Amino acid sequence: MKYNIPDHLNDITYDIIGAAFEVRKQCGKGLLENYYEAALAYELELKGHKVNRQVLVPALYKGVPVKDPYKIDILVDNEIIVELKSVSHLISENFSQLATYLWLTDKKVGLLINFSAKDFRSGTWTKEKPDYNIGIVRIIQSKGNKFKGNL
């Protein structure tokens, strides 16, 4: 399934995926998530992107702000959310976490990157046929705040 997203978002996504492959190549798997976060941020800055780390996502409960409810690992060019993991395999809650960030921020594209995945490649995730073993998944926000995996 194809989604209509602006070319500049595809270009940024391409750079993020390339940077993730470089980090994995240089570092291997099994390190702490914050190490990969620093390395990926550095690679993206080298490519000329604006990178913000540990970005607070505001949330309300009955109109009252909830203190520090969510933190985005990396926000690239104020456009794309990158959620990082360093686990043997992803679980459905990892996808839900990124989907929540997209919904709360009204961003259109997010990447879920698991640097410790045995099969470190880009892939597609759908609820109908999930693959929890791949390393990089792009999540697109569609109309009606439903989310589907797509590359």
N, C-alpha and C. Protein backbone atom coordinates (compact mmCIF):
# COMPACT_ATOMS: atom_id res chain seq x y z
N MET A 1 0.85 -1.18 0.00
CA MET A 1 0.00 0.00 0.00
C MET A 1 0.89 1.24 0.00
N LYS A 2 0.60 2.17 -0.87
CA LYS A 2 1.38 3.41 -0.97
C LYS A 2 0.64 4.55 -0.29
N TYR A 3 1.40 5.44 0.30
CA TYR A 3 0.83 6.62 0.94
C TYR A 3 1.37 7.84 0.23
N ASN A 4 0.56 8.86 0.15
CA ASN A 4 0.97 10.12 -0.43
C ASN A 4 1.60 10.97 0.65
N ILE A 5 2.91 10.99 0.70
CA ILE A 5 3.58 11.88 1.63
C ILE A 5 4.54 12.75 0.82
N PRO A 6 4.78 13.96 1.28
CA PRO A 6 5.64 14.88 0.54
C PRO A 6 7.04 14.30 0.31
N ASP A 7 7.61 14.66 -0.83
CA ASP A 7 8.94 14.18 -1.19
C ASP A 7 10.00 14.52 -0.13
N HIS A 8 9.88 15.71 0.47
CA HIS A 8 10.91 16.09 1.45
C HIS A 8 10.90 15.15 2.66
N LEU A 9 9.73 14.60 3.03
CA LEU A 9 9.69 13.65 4.13
C LEU A 9 10.33 12.32 3.72
N ASN A 10 10.12 11.91 2.48
CA ASN A 10 10.79 10.72 1.98
C ASN A 10 12.30 10.91 1.98
N ASP A 11 12.75 12.11 1.59
CA ASP A 11 14.19 12.40 1.56
C ASP A 11 14.80 12.33 2.96
N ILE A 12 14.11 12.91 3.93
CA ILE A 12 14.59 12.87 5.31
C ILE A 12 14.62 11.43 5.81
N THR A 13 13.56 10.69 5.52
CA THR A 13 13.49 9.28 5.94
C THR A 13 14.66 8.49 5.35
N TYR A 14 14.95 8.74 4.09
CA TYR A 14 16.07 8.06 3.42
C TYR A 14 17.38 8.36 4.16
N ASP A 15 17.60 9.61 4.53
CA ASP A 15 18.81 9.99 5.27
C ASP A 15 18.86 9.31 6.64
N ILE A 16 17.73 9.23 7.32
CA ILE A 16 17.69 8.60 8.65
C ILE A 16 18.04 7.12 8.53
N ILE A 17 17.45 6.45 7.54
CA ILE A 17 17.74 5.02 7.35
C ILE A 17 19.21 4.81 7.02
N GLY A 18 19.74 5.65 6.15
CA GLY A 18 21.16 5.55 5.81
C GLY A 18 22.05 5.76 7.03
N ALA A 19 21.70 6.74 7.85
CA ALA A 19 22.47 7.01 9.06
C ALA A 19 22.37 5.84 10.04
N ALA A 20 21.19 5.24 10.14
CA ALA A 20 21.00 4.08 11.03
C ALA A 20 21.87 2.91 10.58
N PHE A 21 21.93 2.67 9.27
CA PHE A 21 22.79 1.60 8.76
C PHE A 21 24.25 1.88 9.08
N GLU A 22 24.67 3.13 8.97
CA GLU A 22 26.06 3.49 9.28
C GLU A 22 26.36 3.25 10.75
N VAL A 23 25.44 3.65 11.63
CA VAL A 23 25.64 3.45 13.07
C VAL A 23 25.73 1.95 13.37
N ARG A 24 24.83 1.17 12.81
CA ARG A 24 24.84 -0.27 13.07
C ARG A 24 26.14 -0.90 12.54
N LYS A 25 26.58 -0.45 11.38
CA LYS A 25 27.82 -0.96 10.80
C LYS A 25 29.01 -0.65 11.70
N GLN A 26 29.07 0.57 12.23
CA GLN A 26 30.18 0.98 13.07
C GLN A 26 30.13 0.38 14.48
N CYS A 27 28.92 0.21 15.03
CA CYS A 27 28.77 -0.15 16.43
C CYS A 27 28.34 -1.59 16.68
N GLY A 28 27.74 -2.21 15.68
CA GLY A 28 27.21 -3.55 15.89
C GLY A 28 25.93 -3.50 16.70
N LYS A 29 25.56 -4.64 17.26
CA LYS A 29 24.33 -4.69 18.06
C LYS A 29 24.66 -4.97 19.52
N GLY A 30 23.69 -4.69 20.39
CA GLY A 30 23.84 -5.03 21.79
C GLY A 30 24.26 -3.90 22.72
N LEU A 31 24.42 -2.69 22.20
CA LEU A 31 24.77 -1.56 23.07
C LEU A 31 23.51 -0.95 23.67
N LEU A 32 23.68 -0.02 24.57
CA LEU A 32 22.54 0.64 25.19
C LEU A 32 21.87 1.60 24.21
N GLU A 33 20.57 1.77 24.39
CA GLU A 33 19.79 2.64 23.50
C GLU A 33 20.34 4.06 23.45
N ASN A 34 20.75 4.62 24.59
CA ASN A 34 21.22 6.00 24.60
C ASN A 34 22.52 6.17 23.81
N TYR A 35 23.33 5.11 23.72
CA TYR A 35 24.54 5.16 22.90
C TYR A 35 24.15 5.29 21.43
N TYR A 36 23.22 4.45 20.99
CA TYR A 36 22.76 4.52 19.61
C TYR A 36 22.10 5.88 19.32
N GLU A 37 21.39 6.41 20.29
CA GLU A 37 20.75 7.71 20.11
C GLU A 37 21.78 8.80 19.83
N ALA A 38 22.84 8.82 20.63
CA ALA A 38 23.89 9.83 20.44
C ALA A 38 24.58 9.64 19.08
N ALA A 39 24.87 8.40 18.73
CA ALA A 39 25.55 8.12 17.46
C ALA A 39 24.67 8.49 16.27
N LEU A 40 23.38 8.14 16.33
CA LEU A 40 22.48 8.47 15.23
C LEU A 40 22.30 9.98 15.11
N ALA A 41 22.17 10.66 16.22
CA ALA A 41 22.05 12.12 16.19
C ALA A 41 23.28 12.74 15.53
N TYR A 42 24.45 12.24 15.87
CA TYR A 42 25.69 12.75 15.28
C TYR A 42 25.70 12.53 13.76
N GLU A 43 25.35 11.33 13.32
CA GLU A 43 25.32 11.03 11.88
C GLU A 43 24.34 11.94 11.14
N LEU A 44 23.18 12.18 11.74
CA LEU A 44 22.18 13.04 11.09
C LEU A 44 22.63 14.49 11.04
N GLU A 45 23.31 14.95 12.08
CA GLU A 45 23.85 16.30 12.06
C GLU A 45 24.92 16.44 10.99
N LEU A 46 25.72 15.40 10.80
CA LEU A 46 26.72 15.42 9.72
C LEU A 46 26.06 15.57 8.35
N LYS A 47 24.85 15.06 8.22
CA LYS A 47 24.10 15.16 6.96
C LYS A 47 23.35 16.48 6.85
N GLY A 48 23.50 17.34 7.86
CA GLY A 48 22.89 18.67 7.81
C GLY A 48 21.49 18.78 8.38
N HIS A 49 21.05 17.77 9.12
CA HIS A 49 19.71 17.81 9.69
C HIS A 49 19.71 18.43 11.08
N LYS A 50 18.61 19.07 11.41
CA LYS A 50 18.40 19.59 12.77
C LYS A 50 17.88 18.42 13.61
N VAL A 51 18.57 18.14 14.69
CA VAL A 51 18.23 16.99 15.53
C VAL A 51 17.95 17.45 16.95
N ASN A 52 16.79 17.05 17.46
CA ASN A 52 16.45 17.29 18.86
C ASN A 52 16.28 15.94 19.54
N ARG A 53 16.90 15.81 20.71
CA ARG A 53 16.84 14.55 21.45
C ARG A 53 15.98 14.69 22.71
N GLN A 54 15.31 13.61 23.06
CA GLN A 54 14.49 13.54 24.27
C GLN A 54 13.49 14.70 24.34
N VAL A 55 12.71 14.82 23.29
CA VAL A 55 11.73 15.90 23.15
C VAL A 55 10.47 15.55 23.93
N LEU A 56 10.09 16.43 24.85
CA LEU A 56 8.87 16.21 25.62
C LEU A 56 7.64 16.39 24.75
N VAL A 57 6.70 15.46 24.88
CA VAL A 57 5.43 15.53 24.16
C VAL A 57 4.36 15.91 25.17
N PRO A 58 3.76 17.07 24.99
CA PRO A 58 2.74 17.49 25.96
C PRO A 58 1.48 16.61 25.85
N ALA A 59 0.88 16.39 26.98
CA ALA A 59 -0.38 15.65 27.03
C ALA A 59 -1.24 16.22 28.15
N LEU A 60 -2.53 16.10 27.97
CA LEU A 60 -3.48 16.63 28.96
C LEU A 60 -4.35 15.50 29.50
N TYR A 61 -4.74 15.66 30.75
CA TYR A 61 -5.76 14.81 31.33
C TYR A 61 -6.83 15.73 31.89
N LYS A 62 -8.03 15.66 31.31
CA LYS A 62 -9.15 16.53 31.69
C LYS A 62 -8.73 17.99 31.67
N GLY A 63 -7.95 18.33 30.65
CA GLY A 63 -7.54 19.71 30.47
C GLY A 63 -6.34 20.14 31.30
N VAL A 64 -5.83 19.25 32.13
CA VAL A 64 -4.69 19.56 32.98
C VAL A 64 -3.44 18.91 32.39
N PRO A 65 -2.36 19.69 32.24
CA PRO A 65 -1.13 19.10 31.70
C PRO A 65 -0.61 17.97 32.59
N VAL A 66 -0.20 16.88 31.96
CA VAL A 66 0.44 15.78 32.66
C VAL A 66 1.93 16.02 32.58
N LYS A 67 2.60 16.00 33.71
CA LYS A 67 4.03 16.32 33.75
C LYS A 67 4.86 15.22 33.09
N ASP A 68 5.62 15.60 32.07
CA ASP A 68 6.56 14.72 31.38
C ASP A 68 6.00 13.35 31.03
N PRO A 69 4.88 13.30 30.33
CA PRO A 69 4.28 11.98 30.07
C PRO A 69 5.03 11.16 29.03
N TYR A 70 5.54 11.81 28.00
CA TYR A 70 6.19 11.10 26.91
C TYR A 70 7.44 11.86 26.46
N LYS A 71 8.43 11.10 25.99
CA LYS A 71 9.64 11.70 25.42
C LYS A 71 9.96 11.00 24.11
N ILE A 72 10.06 11.79 23.06
CA ILE A 72 10.49 11.29 21.75
C ILE A 72 12.01 11.16 21.80
N ASP A 73 12.52 10.02 21.34
CA ASP A 73 13.97 9.84 21.35
C ASP A 73 14.66 10.88 20.48
N ILE A 74 14.25 10.95 19.20
CA ILE A 74 14.86 11.91 18.28
C ILE A 74 13.77 12.50 17.39
N LEU A 75 13.80 13.81 17.23
CA LEU A 75 12.93 14.51 16.28
C LEU A 75 13.86 15.14 15.24
N VAL A 76 13.67 14.76 13.97
CA VAL A 76 14.54 15.21 12.89
C VAL A 76 13.84 16.29 12.08
N ASP A 77 14.49 17.44 11.97
CA ASP A 77 13.98 18.58 11.20
C ASP A 77 12.56 18.97 11.60
N ASN A 78 12.22 18.73 12.85
CA ASN A 78 10.88 19.02 13.38
C ASN A 78 9.78 18.36 12.55
N GLU A 79 10.13 17.27 11.86
CA GLU A 79 9.20 16.60 10.94
C GLU A 79 9.00 15.12 11.23
N ILE A 80 10.08 14.42 11.53
CA ILE A 80 10.02 12.96 11.62
C ILE A 80 10.46 12.51 13.01
N ILE A 81 9.63 11.66 13.60
CA ILE A 81 9.90 11.10 14.92
C ILE A 81 10.68 9.81 14.75
N VAL A 82 11.74 9.66 15.53
CA VAL A 82 12.52 8.43 15.51
C VAL A 82 12.51 7.85 16.91
N GLU A 83 11.95 6.66 17.03
CA GLU A 83 11.91 5.94 18.30
C GLU A 83 12.94 4.81 18.21
N LEU A 84 13.84 4.76 19.18
CA LEU A 84 14.93 3.78 19.15
C LEU A 84 14.72 2.69 20.19
N LYS A 85 15.17 1.50 19.82
CA LYS A 85 15.16 0.36 20.73
C LYS A 85 16.48 -0.38 20.59
N SER A 86 16.83 -1.13 21.62
CA SER A 86 17.97 -2.03 21.58
C SER A 86 17.55 -3.31 22.30
N VAL A 87 16.72 -4.08 21.62
CA VAL A 87 16.13 -5.29 22.19
C VAL A 87 16.25 -6.43 21.17
N SER A 88 16.08 -7.67 21.63
CA SER A 88 16.23 -8.81 20.72
C SER A 88 15.17 -8.79 19.62
N HIS A 89 13.97 -8.37 19.95
CA HIS A 89 12.90 -8.23 18.95
C HIS A 89 11.87 -7.23 19.46
N LEU A 90 11.19 -6.61 18.52
CA LEU A 90 10.17 -5.63 18.87
C LEU A 90 8.91 -6.33 19.37
N ILE A 91 8.08 -5.57 20.07
CA ILE A 91 6.77 -6.06 20.50
C ILE A 91 5.73 -5.06 20.05
N SER A 92 4.48 -5.45 20.06
CA SER A 92 3.42 -4.58 19.53
C SER A 92 3.35 -3.24 20.26
N GLU A 93 3.70 -3.21 21.53
CA GLU A 93 3.67 -1.97 22.30
C GLU A 93 4.67 -0.94 21.76
N ASN A 94 5.75 -1.40 21.15
CA ASN A 94 6.72 -0.47 20.55
C ASN A 94 6.08 0.30 19.41
N PHE A 95 5.28 -0.39 18.61
CA PHE A 95 4.58 0.27 17.50
C PHE A 95 3.51 1.21 18.03
N SER A 96 2.81 0.78 19.07
CA SER A 96 1.78 1.63 19.68
C SER A 96 2.38 2.90 20.25
N GLN A 97 3.55 2.80 20.84
CA GLN A 97 4.23 3.97 21.40
C GLN A 97 4.49 5.00 20.31
N LEU A 98 5.05 4.57 19.19
CA LEU A 98 5.33 5.50 18.10
C LEU A 98 4.03 6.06 17.52
N ALA A 99 3.01 5.23 17.38
CA ALA A 99 1.72 5.69 16.87
C ALA A 99 1.13 6.77 17.78
N THR A 100 1.28 6.59 19.08
CA THR A 100 0.80 7.59 20.04
C THR A 100 1.55 8.90 19.86
N TYR A 101 2.86 8.84 19.69
CA TYR A 101 3.64 10.06 19.48
C TYR A 101 3.19 10.79 18.22
N LEU A 102 2.96 10.04 17.15
CA LEU A 102 2.49 10.66 15.90
C LEU A 102 1.15 11.33 16.11
N TRP A 103 0.26 10.65 16.79
CA TRP A 103 -1.08 11.19 17.03
C TRP A 103 -1.03 12.45 17.90
N LEU A 104 -0.25 12.42 18.98
CA LEU A 104 -0.17 13.57 19.89
C LEU A 104 0.49 14.78 19.26
N THR A 105 1.43 14.55 18.36
CA THR A 105 2.18 15.66 17.76
C THR A 105 1.66 16.07 16.39
N ASP A 106 0.77 15.27 15.83
CA ASP A 106 0.23 15.48 14.48
C ASP A 106 1.33 15.42 13.42
N LYS A 107 2.39 14.67 13.70
CA LYS A 107 3.43 14.42 12.69
C LYS A 107 2.93 13.31 11.77
N LYS A 108 3.48 13.25 10.57
CA LYS A 108 3.00 12.30 9.57
C LYS A 108 3.83 11.03 9.46
N VAL A 109 5.12 11.09 9.82
CA VAL A 109 6.01 9.95 9.61
C VAL A 109 6.85 9.72 10.86
N GLY A 110 7.01 8.44 11.20
CA GLY A 110 7.89 8.06 12.29
C GLY A 110 8.67 6.82 11.91
N LEU A 111 9.84 6.68 12.50
CA LEU A 111 10.66 5.50 12.29
C LEU A 111 10.89 4.80 13.62
N LEU A 112 10.71 3.51 13.62
CA LEU A 112 11.02 2.68 14.77
C LEU A 112 12.26 1.88 14.40
N ILE A 113 13.35 2.11 15.12
CA ILE A 113 14.63 1.48 14.78
C ILE A 113 15.10 0.65 15.97
N ASN A 114 15.30 -0.64 15.72
CA ASN A 114 15.81 -1.55 16.73
C ASN A 114 17.24 -1.94 16.36
N PHE A 115 18.21 -1.32 17.02
CA PHE A 115 19.60 -1.55 16.67
C PHE A 115 20.11 -2.94 17.05
N SER A 116 19.40 -3.64 17.90
CA SER A 116 19.84 -4.98 18.29
C SER A 116 19.12 -6.08 17.52
N ALA A 117 18.34 -5.71 16.52
CA ALA A 117 17.65 -6.73 15.72
C ALA A 117 18.66 -7.60 15.00
N LYS A 118 18.39 -8.90 14.99
CA LYS A 118 19.26 -9.83 14.28
C LYS A 118 19.22 -9.53 12.78
N ASP A 119 18.02 -9.21 12.28
CA ASP A 119 17.81 -8.94 10.86
C ASP A 119 17.70 -7.42 10.69
N PHE A 120 18.84 -6.73 10.63
CA PHE A 120 18.83 -5.27 10.56
C PHE A 120 18.62 -4.82 9.12
N ARG A 121 17.38 -4.62 8.77
CA ARG A 121 16.99 -4.17 7.43
C ARG A 121 15.72 -3.36 7.57
N SER A 122 15.38 -2.64 6.50
CA SER A 122 14.12 -1.92 6.45
C SER A 122 13.02 -2.91 6.11
N GLY A 123 11.86 -2.71 6.67
CA GLY A 123 10.76 -3.62 6.40
C GLY A 123 9.41 -2.99 6.64
N THR A 124 8.41 -3.77 6.41
CA THR A 124 7.03 -3.31 6.56
C THR A 124 6.39 -4.03 7.73
N TRP A 125 5.63 -3.31 8.49
CA TRP A 125 4.91 -3.90 9.61
C TRP A 125 3.43 -3.63 9.42
N THR A 126 2.64 -4.65 9.51
CA THR A 126 1.18 -4.48 9.53
C THR A 126 0.63 -5.33 10.66
N LYS A 127 -0.52 -4.95 11.17
CA LYS A 127 -1.14 -5.73 12.23
C LYS A 127 -1.52 -7.12 11.73
N GLU A 128 -1.83 -7.22 10.45
CA GLU A 128 -2.25 -8.50 9.88
C GLU A 128 -1.08 -9.48 9.77
N LYS A 129 0.11 -8.96 9.49
CA LYS A 129 1.30 -9.80 9.32
C LYS A 129 2.50 -9.11 9.93
N PRO A 130 2.56 -9.05 11.26
CA PRO A 130 3.66 -8.33 11.90
C PRO A 130 4.99 -9.09 11.79
N ASP A 131 6.06 -8.33 11.63
CA ASP A 131 7.41 -8.89 11.66
C ASP A 131 8.16 -8.14 12.75
N TYR A 132 8.33 -8.79 13.89
CA TYR A 132 8.96 -8.15 15.04
C TYR A 132 10.47 -8.27 15.04
N ASN A 133 11.02 -8.91 14.03
CA ASN A 133 12.46 -9.17 13.99
C ASN A 133 13.25 -8.20 13.13
N ILE A 134 12.57 -7.35 12.35
CA ILE A 134 13.29 -6.43 11.48
C ILE A 134 13.83 -5.24 12.28
N GLY A 135 14.78 -4.55 11.69
CA GLY A 135 15.45 -3.48 12.40
C GLY A 135 14.86 -2.09 12.23
N ILE A 136 14.30 -1.80 11.04
CA ILE A 136 13.83 -0.44 10.77
C ILE A 136 12.44 -0.50 10.16
N VAL A 137 11.50 0.18 10.78
CA VAL A 137 10.13 0.21 10.29
C VAL A 137 9.67 1.65 10.20
N ARG A 138 9.09 2.03 9.07
CA ARG A 138 8.52 3.37 8.92
C ARG A 138 7.02 3.28 9.16
N ILE A 139 6.51 4.17 9.99
CA ILE A 139 5.10 4.22 10.31
C ILE A 139 4.54 5.52 9.73
N ILE A 140 3.44 5.42 9.01
CA ILE A 140 2.80 6.57 8.38
C ILE A 140 1.47 6.82 9.07
N GLN A 141 1.20 8.08 9.41
CA GLN A 141 -0.11 8.42 9.96
C GLN A 141 -1.07 8.63 8.80
N SER A 142 -2.14 7.87 8.79
CA SER A 142 -3.15 8.03 7.74
C SER A 142 -4.32 8.81 8.29
N LYS A 143 -5.27 9.12 7.43
CA LYS A 143 -6.44 9.88 7.87
C LYS A 143 -7.21 9.08 8.91
N GLY A 144 -7.83 9.79 9.82
CA GLY A 144 -8.60 9.14 10.86
C GLY A 144 -7.74 8.61 11.99
N ASN A 145 -6.47 9.07 12.05
CA ASN A 145 -5.54 8.68 13.12
C ASN A 145 -5.36 7.18 13.23
N LYS A 146 -5.45 6.47 12.13
CA LYS A 146 -5.11 5.05 12.10
C LYS A 146 -3.69 4.97 11.56
N PHE A 147 -2.95 3.96 11.99
CA PHE A 147 -1.56 3.87 11.59
C PHE A 147 -1.30 2.54 10.92
N LYS A 148 -0.48 2.58 9.89
CA LYS A 148 -0.08 1.36 9.18
C LYS A 148 1.41 1.45 8.89
N GLY A 149 2.05 0.32 8.88
CA GLY A 149 3.47 0.28 8.52
C GLY A 149 3.61 0.31 7.01
N ASN A 150 4.64 0.96 6.53
CA ASN A 150 4.87 1.04 5.08
C ASN A 150 6.29 1.49 4.81
N LEU A 151 6.85 0.95 3.74
CA LEU A 151 8.15 1.46 3.28
C LEU A 151 8.12 1.68 1.81
